[in-house]
C-alpha atoms as a PDB file:
ATOM      1  CA  MET A   1      23.955   4.875   9.248  1.00  0.00           C
ATOM      2  CA  PRO A   2      22.569   7.323   6.598  1.00  0.00           C
ATOM      3  CA  GLU A   3      18.500   7.327   5.918  1.00  0.00           C
ATOM      4  CA  SER A   4      17.923   4.567   3.457  1.00  0.00           C
ATOM      5  CA  THR A   5      14.377   3.791   1.602  1.00  0.00           C
ATOM      6  CA  LEU A   6      13.057   0.481   0.644  1.00  0.00           C
ATOM      7  CA  ILE A   7      10.864   0.388  -2.358  1.00  0.00           C
ATOM      8  CA  ILE A   8       8.736  -2.853  -2.352  1.00  0.00           C
ATOM      9  CA  ASP A   9       6.415  -2.673  -5.506  1.00  0.00           C
ATOM     10  CA  ASP A  10       5.815  -6.159  -7.629  1.00  0.00           C
ATOM     11  CA  ASP A  11       5.958  -4.086 -10.832  1.00  0.00           C
ATOM     12  CA  PRO A  12       9.670  -4.063 -11.625  1.00  0.00           C
ATOM     13  CA  SER A  13       9.626  -1.354 -14.166  1.00  0.00           C
ATOM     14  CA  PHE A  14       8.092   1.001 -11.296  1.00  0.00           C
ATOM     15  CA  ASN A  15       9.934  -0.231  -8.753  1.00  0.00           C
ATOM     16  CA  SER A  16      13.408   0.590 -10.627  1.00  0.00           C
ATOM     17  CA  VAL A  17      12.172   3.896 -11.687  1.00  0.00           C
ATOM     18  CA  LEU A  18      11.159   5.014  -8.088  1.00  0.00           C
ATOM     19  CA  VAL A  19      14.714   3.670  -6.906  1.00  0.00           C
ATOM     20  CA  ARG A  20      16.663   5.659  -9.422  1.00  0.00           C
ATOM     21  CA  THR A  21      14.566   8.961  -9.026  1.00  0.00           C
ATOM     22  CA  LEU A  22      14.971   9.019  -5.223  1.00  0.00           C
ATOM     23  CA  GLU A  23      18.707   8.225  -5.526  1.00  0.00           C
ATOM     24  CA  ARG A  24      18.961  11.095  -8.208  1.00  0.00           C
ATOM     25  CA  ARG A  25      17.300  13.094  -5.114  1.00  0.00           C
ATOM     26  CA  GLY A  26      19.748  12.009  -2.700  1.00  0.00           C
ATOM     27  CA  TYR A  27      17.854   9.279  -1.181  1.00  0.00           C
ATOM     28  CA  PRO A  28      20.167   6.255  -0.814  1.00  0.00           C
ATOM     29  CA  ALA A  29      17.286   3.392  -2.108  1.00  0.00           C
ATOM     30  CA  ARG A  30      16.940  -0.296  -2.860  1.00  0.00           C
ATOM     31  CA  GLY A  31      13.952  -2.160  -4.136  1.00  0.00           C
ATOM     32  CA  ALA A  32      12.435  -5.443  -4.026  1.00  0.00           C
ATOM     33  CA  ILE A  33       9.337  -7.121  -5.810  1.00  0.00           C
ATOM     34  CA  ASP A  34       8.564  -9.635  -3.309  1.00  0.00           C
ATOM     35  CA  ALA A  35       7.834  -9.749   0.318  1.00  0.00           C
ATOM     36  CA  THR A  36      10.631 -12.329   1.147  1.00  0.00           C
ATOM     37  CA  THR A  37      13.276 -10.399  -0.793  1.00  0.00           C
ATOM     38  CA  ALA A  38      11.872  -6.936   0.994  1.00  0.00           C
ATOM     39  CA  LEU A  39      12.073  -8.616   4.318  1.00  0.00           C
ATOM     40  CA  THR A  40      15.774  -9.586   3.947  1.00  0.00           C
ATOM     41  CA  LEU A  41      16.789  -6.259   2.248  1.00  0.00           C
ATOM     42  CA  ALA A  42      14.896  -4.432   5.544  1.00  0.00           C
ATOM     43  CA  ARG A  43      16.998  -6.617   7.855  1.00  0.00           C
ATOM     44  CA  GLU A  44      19.792  -5.750   5.920  1.00  0.00           C
ATOM     45  CA  ILE A  45      19.709  -2.160   5.586  1.00  0.00           C
ATOM     46  CA  SER A  46      17.103  -1.109   8.533  1.00  0.00           C
ATOM     47  CA  PRO A  47      15.383   1.455   6.141  1.00  0.00           C
ATOM     48  CA  THR A  48      13.927   4.465   7.795  1.00  0.00           C
ATOM     49  CA  GLN A  49      11.793   5.139   4.798  1.00  0.00           C
ATOM     50  CA  VAL A  50       9.459   2.540   3.185  1.00  0.00           C
ATOM     51  CA  VAL A  51       7.471   2.928  -0.340  1.00  0.00           C
ATOM     52  CA  LEU A  52       4.948  -0.266   0.081  1.00  0.00           C
ATOM     53  CA  ASP A  53       2.623  -1.533  -2.756  1.00  0.00           C
ATOM     54  CA  LEU A  54      -0.762  -2.699  -1.111  1.00  0.00           C
ATOM     55  CA  ASN A  55      -0.893  -5.307  -3.838  1.00  0.00           C
ATOM     56  CA  LEU A  56       1.961  -7.533  -3.996  1.00  0.00           C
ATOM     57  CA  ASN A  57       1.550 -10.611  -6.501  1.00  0.00           C
ATOM     58  CA  GLY A  58      -1.685 -10.930  -5.246  1.00  0.00           C
ATOM     59  CA  SER A  59      -1.221 -10.667  -1.839  1.00  0.00           C
ATOM     60  CA  SER A  60      -1.743  -7.615   0.829  1.00  0.00           C
ATOM     61  CA  GLY A  61       1.252  -5.678   1.564  1.00  0.00           C
ATOM     62  CA  LEU A  62      -0.183  -4.476   4.534  1.00  0.00           C
ATOM     63  CA  ALA A  63       0.903  -7.856   6.159  1.00  0.00           C
ATOM     64  CA  LEU A  64       4.308  -6.605   5.570  1.00  0.00           C
ATOM     65  CA  ILE A  65       3.521  -3.399   7.913  1.00  0.00           C
ATOM     66  CA  PRO A  66       3.956  -4.954  11.505  1.00  0.00           C
ATOM     67  CA  GLU A  67       7.172  -6.995  10.420  1.00  0.00           C
ATOM     68  CA  LEU A  68       9.090  -3.936   8.869  1.00  0.00           C
ATOM     69  CA  LEU A  69       8.383  -1.809  12.196  1.00  0.00           C
ATOM     70  CA  ALA A  70       9.662  -4.497  14.000  1.00  0.00           C
ATOM     71  CA  ILE A  71      12.868  -4.190  12.221  1.00  0.00           C
ATOM     72  CA  ASN A  72      13.168  -0.449  12.525  1.00  0.00           C
ATOM     73  CA  PRO A  73      10.093   0.929  14.854  1.00  0.00           C
ATOM     74  CA  ALA A  74      11.134   4.553  13.688  1.00  0.00           C
ATOM     75  CA  CYS A  75      10.462   3.541   9.793  1.00  0.00           C
ATOM     76  CA  ARG A  76       7.958   5.676   7.959  1.00  0.00           C
ATOM     77  CA  ILE A  77       5.755   3.664   5.746  1.00  0.00           C
ATOM     78  CA  VAL A  78       4.116   4.934   2.722  1.00  0.00           C
ATOM     79  CA  VAL A  79       1.676   2.567   1.151  1.00  0.00           C
ATOM     80  CA  LEU A  80       0.832   3.200  -2.349  1.00  0.00           C
ATOM     81  CA  THR A  81      -2.355   1.498  -4.354  1.00  0.00           C
ATOM     82  CA  GLY A  82      -4.017   1.828  -7.635  1.00  0.00           C
ATOM     83  CA  TYR A  83      -6.916   0.336  -5.963  1.00  0.00           C
ATOM     84  CA  ALA A  84      -7.663   2.684  -2.984  1.00  0.00           C
ATOM     85  CA  SER A  85     -10.523   2.437  -0.445  1.00  0.00           C
ATOM     86  CA  ILE A  86     -11.444   3.499   2.605  1.00  0.00           C
ATOM     87  CA  ALA A  87     -11.109   0.365   4.455  1.00  0.00           C
ATOM     88  CA  THR A  88      -7.453  -0.372   3.298  1.00  0.00           C
ATOM     89  CA  ALA A  89      -6.700   3.134   4.220  1.00  0.00           C
ATOM     90  CA  VAL A  90      -7.882   2.891   7.654  1.00  0.00           C
ATOM     91  CA  ASP A  91      -6.003  -0.521   7.990  1.00  0.00           C
ATOM     92  CA  ALA A  92      -2.769   0.788   6.826  1.00  0.00           C
ATOM     93  CA  ILE A  93      -3.042   3.779   9.013  1.00  0.00           C
ATOM     94  CA  LYS A  94      -4.034   1.391  12.104  1.00  0.00           C
ATOM     95  CA  LEU A  95      -0.973  -1.255  11.262  1.00  0.00           C
ATOM     96  CA  GLY A  96       1.476   1.929  11.583  1.00  0.00           C
ATOM     97  CA  ALA A  97       1.732   3.350   8.054  1.00  0.00           C
ATOM     98  CA  THR A  98       2.454   7.165   7.941  1.00  0.00           C
ATOM     99  CA  GLN A  99       0.442   7.542   4.656  1.00  0.00           C
ATOM    100  CA  TYR A 100      -1.768   6.088   2.056  1.00  0.00           C
ATOM    101  CA  LEU A 101      -1.441   7.377  -1.743  1.00  0.00           C
ATOM    102  CA  ALA A 102      -3.384   6.387  -4.710  1.00  0.00           C
ATOM    103  CA  LYS A 103      -1.411   5.663  -7.531  1.00  0.00           C
ATOM    104  CA  PRO A 104      -0.528   7.231 -10.051  1.00  0.00           C
ATOM    105  CA  VAL A 105       1.478   9.525  -7.670  1.00  0.00           C
ATOM    106  CA  GLU A 106       4.052  12.336  -7.879  1.00  0.00           C
ATOM    107  CA  ILE A 107       7.525  11.624  -6.125  1.00  0.00           C
ATOM    108  CA  GLU A 108       6.809  15.053  -4.406  1.00  0.00           C
ATOM    109  CA  ALA A 109       3.862  13.692  -2.428  1.00  0.00           C
ATOM    110  CA  VAL A 110       5.974  10.705  -1.609  1.00  0.00           C
ATOM    111  CA  LEU A 111       8.673  12.998  -0.132  1.00  0.00           C
ATOM    112  CA  THR A 112       5.985  14.822   1.641  1.00  0.00           C
ATOM    113  CA  ALA A 113       4.704  11.848   3.477  1.00  0.00           C
ATOM    114  CA  PHE A 114       8.344  11.442   4.523  1.00  0.00           C
ATOM    115  CA  ALA A 115       8.928  14.491   5.705  1.00  0.00           C
ATOM    116  CA  SER A 116       5.699  14.904   7.486  1.00  0.00           C
ATOM    117  CA  ASP A 117       5.624  15.186  11.390  1.00  0.00           C
ATOM    118  CA  ASP A 118       1.737  15.270  11.277  1.00  0.00           C
ATOM    119  CA  ALA A 119      -0.429  12.586  12.469  1.00  0.00           C
ATOM    120  CA  PRO A 120      -0.922  10.007   9.676  1.00  0.00           C
ATOM    121  CA  ASP A 121      -3.201  10.892   6.885  1.00  0.00           C
ATOM    122  CA  THR A 122      -4.943   8.755   4.137  1.00  0.00           C
ATOM    123  CA  GLY A 123      -4.356  11.034   1.371  1.00  0.00           C
ATOM    124  CA  LEU A 124      -8.101  10.727   0.766  1.00  0.00           C
ATOM    125  CA  PRO A 125     -10.309  13.784   1.122  1.00  0.00           C
ATOM    126  CA  ALA A 126     -13.337  13.520   3.161  1.00  0.00           C
ATOM    127  CA  PRO A 127     -16.545  12.871   0.989  1.00  0.00           C
ATOM    128  CA  ASP A 128     -19.017  15.903   0.284  1.00  0.00           C
ATOM    129  CA  GLU A 129     -21.796  13.573  -0.305  1.00  0.00           C
ATOM    130  CA  PRO A 130     -22.723   9.990   0.626  1.00  0.00           C
ATOM    131  CA  LEU A 131     -21.097   7.112  -1.163  1.00  0.00           C
ATOM    132  CA  SER A 132     -22.608   5.679  -4.316  1.00  0.00           C
ATOM    133  CA  VAL A 133     -24.273   2.210  -3.582  1.00  0.00           C
ATOM    134  CA  ASP A 134     -21.307   0.776  -6.250  1.00  0.00           C
ATOM    135  CA  ARG A 135     -18.969   2.632  -4.116  1.00  0.00           C
ATOM    136  CA  LEU A 136     -20.192   1.094  -0.965  1.00  0.00           C
ATOM    137  CA  GLU A 137     -19.861  -2.315  -2.501  1.00  0.00           C
ATOM    138  CA  TRP A 138     -16.456  -1.823  -3.355  1.00  0.00           C
ATOM    139  CA  GLU A 139     -15.203  -0.479  -0.187  1.00  0.00           C
ATOM    140  CA  HIS A 140     -17.071  -3.799   1.373  1.00  0.00           C
ATOM    141  CA  ILE A 141     -15.266  -5.971  -1.051  1.00  0.00           C
ATOM    142  CA  GLN A 142     -12.198  -4.458  -0.037  1.00  0.00           C
ATOM    143  CA  ARG A 143     -12.917  -4.981   3.566  1.00  0.00           C
ATOM    144  CA  VAL A 144     -13.706  -8.325   3.452  1.00  0.00           C
ATOM    145  CA  LEU A 145     -10.956  -9.321   0.769  1.00  0.00           C
ATOM    146  CA  ASN A 146      -8.459  -7.921   3.850  1.00  0.00           C
ATOM    147  CA  GLU A 147      -9.905  -9.769   6.236  1.00  0.00           C
ATOM    148  CA  ASN A 148      -9.361 -12.939   4.022  1.00  0.00           C
ATOM    149  CA  GLU A 149      -5.494 -11.906   3.611  1.00  0.00           C
ATOM    150  CA  GLY A 150      -6.268 -11.200  -0.078  1.00  0.00           C
ATOM    151  CA  ASN A 151      -7.548 -14.515  -0.631  1.00  0.00           C
ATOM    152  CA  ILE A 152      -9.966 -14.160  -3.660  1.00  0.00           C
ATOM    153  CA  SER A 153     -11.603 -18.012  -2.956  1.00  0.00           C
ATOM    154  CA  ALA A 154     -12.343 -17.175   0.642  1.00  0.00           C
ATOM    155  CA  THR A 155     -13.275 -13.750  -0.134  1.00  0.00           C
ATOM    156  CA  ALA A 156     -15.812 -15.055  -2.509  1.00  0.00           C
ATOM    157  CA  ARG A 157     -17.138 -17.478  -0.235  1.00  0.00           C
ATOM    158  CA  ALA A 158     -17.622 -15.098   2.512  1.00  0.00           C
ATOM    159  CA  LEU A 159     -19.615 -12.863  -0.014  1.00  0.00           C
ATOM    160  CA  LYS A 160     -21.445 -15.699  -1.401  1.00  0.00           C
ATOM    161  CA  MET A 161     -20.380 -14.794  -4.851  1.00  0.00           C
ATOM    162  CA  HIS A 162     -19.016 -16.435  -7.808  1.00  0.00           C
ATOM    163  CA  ARG A 163     -15.094 -16.331  -7.672  1.00  0.00           C
ATOM    164  CA  ARG A 164     -15.177 -15.010 -11.524  1.00  0.00           C
ATOM    165  CA  THR A 165     -17.599 -12.347 -10.590  1.00  0.00           C
ATOM    166  CA  LEU A 166     -15.579 -11.151  -7.404  1.00  0.00           C
ATOM    167  CA  GLN A 167     -12.242 -11.353  -9.916  1.00  0.00           C
ATOM    168  CA  ARG A 168     -14.084  -9.044 -12.545  1.00  0.00           C
ATOM    169  CA  LYS A 169     -14.998  -6.419  -9.967  1.00  0.00           C
ATOM    170  CA  LEU A 170     -11.594  -6.246  -8.523  1.00  0.00           C
ATOM    171  CA  SER A 171     -10.162  -6.086 -12.188  1.00  0.00           C
ATOM    172  CA  LYS A 172     -12.403  -2.865 -12.558  1.00  0.00           C
ATOM    173  CA  ARG A 173     -11.010   0.625 -11.210  1.00  0.00           C
ATOM    174  CA  PRO A 174     -12.763   1.538  -8.118  1.00  0.00           C
ATOM    175  CA  VAL A 175     -15.918   3.415  -8.332  1.00  0.00           C
ATOM    176  CA  ARG A 176     -15.481   7.220  -7.762  1.00  0.00           C
ATOM    177  CA  THR A 177     -17.045   8.554  -4.698  1.00  0.00           C
END
């Protein structure tokens, strides 16, 4: 069976552009915009490469990593996110992702991640200075959100924060380190 790539991203436009770009470069690719469709396609094509969005319609894409690896243990998974955090990068790699990249991302970075035989890389540089208080707060929120499987209400309760306040903080881009 030829190498196949599965794109799992809930943004239909981004998903179709990435599928077309990969196909033009000679990588057979299929797209899914939700977890159910993604797992159905994965069982059908047993992808050797997966591009997985961290946030799938408000739920964590990380939950799909073990299921995708159960379908094809040799599958290389690249996690993409618009809200990169150290906590989710570590979790993604621990679950078996090959690499974790922040959006926007060039197709070359994705292809390099698939081709790399090195140890997993988060794609995040080591900071030269300690993290700011705002960044530490962002990291903590991301860790608690991940522990609560993306549930905003449960995360707000765990952080002893009003749900709207948490949603406002999450709607902002992460604070630079």
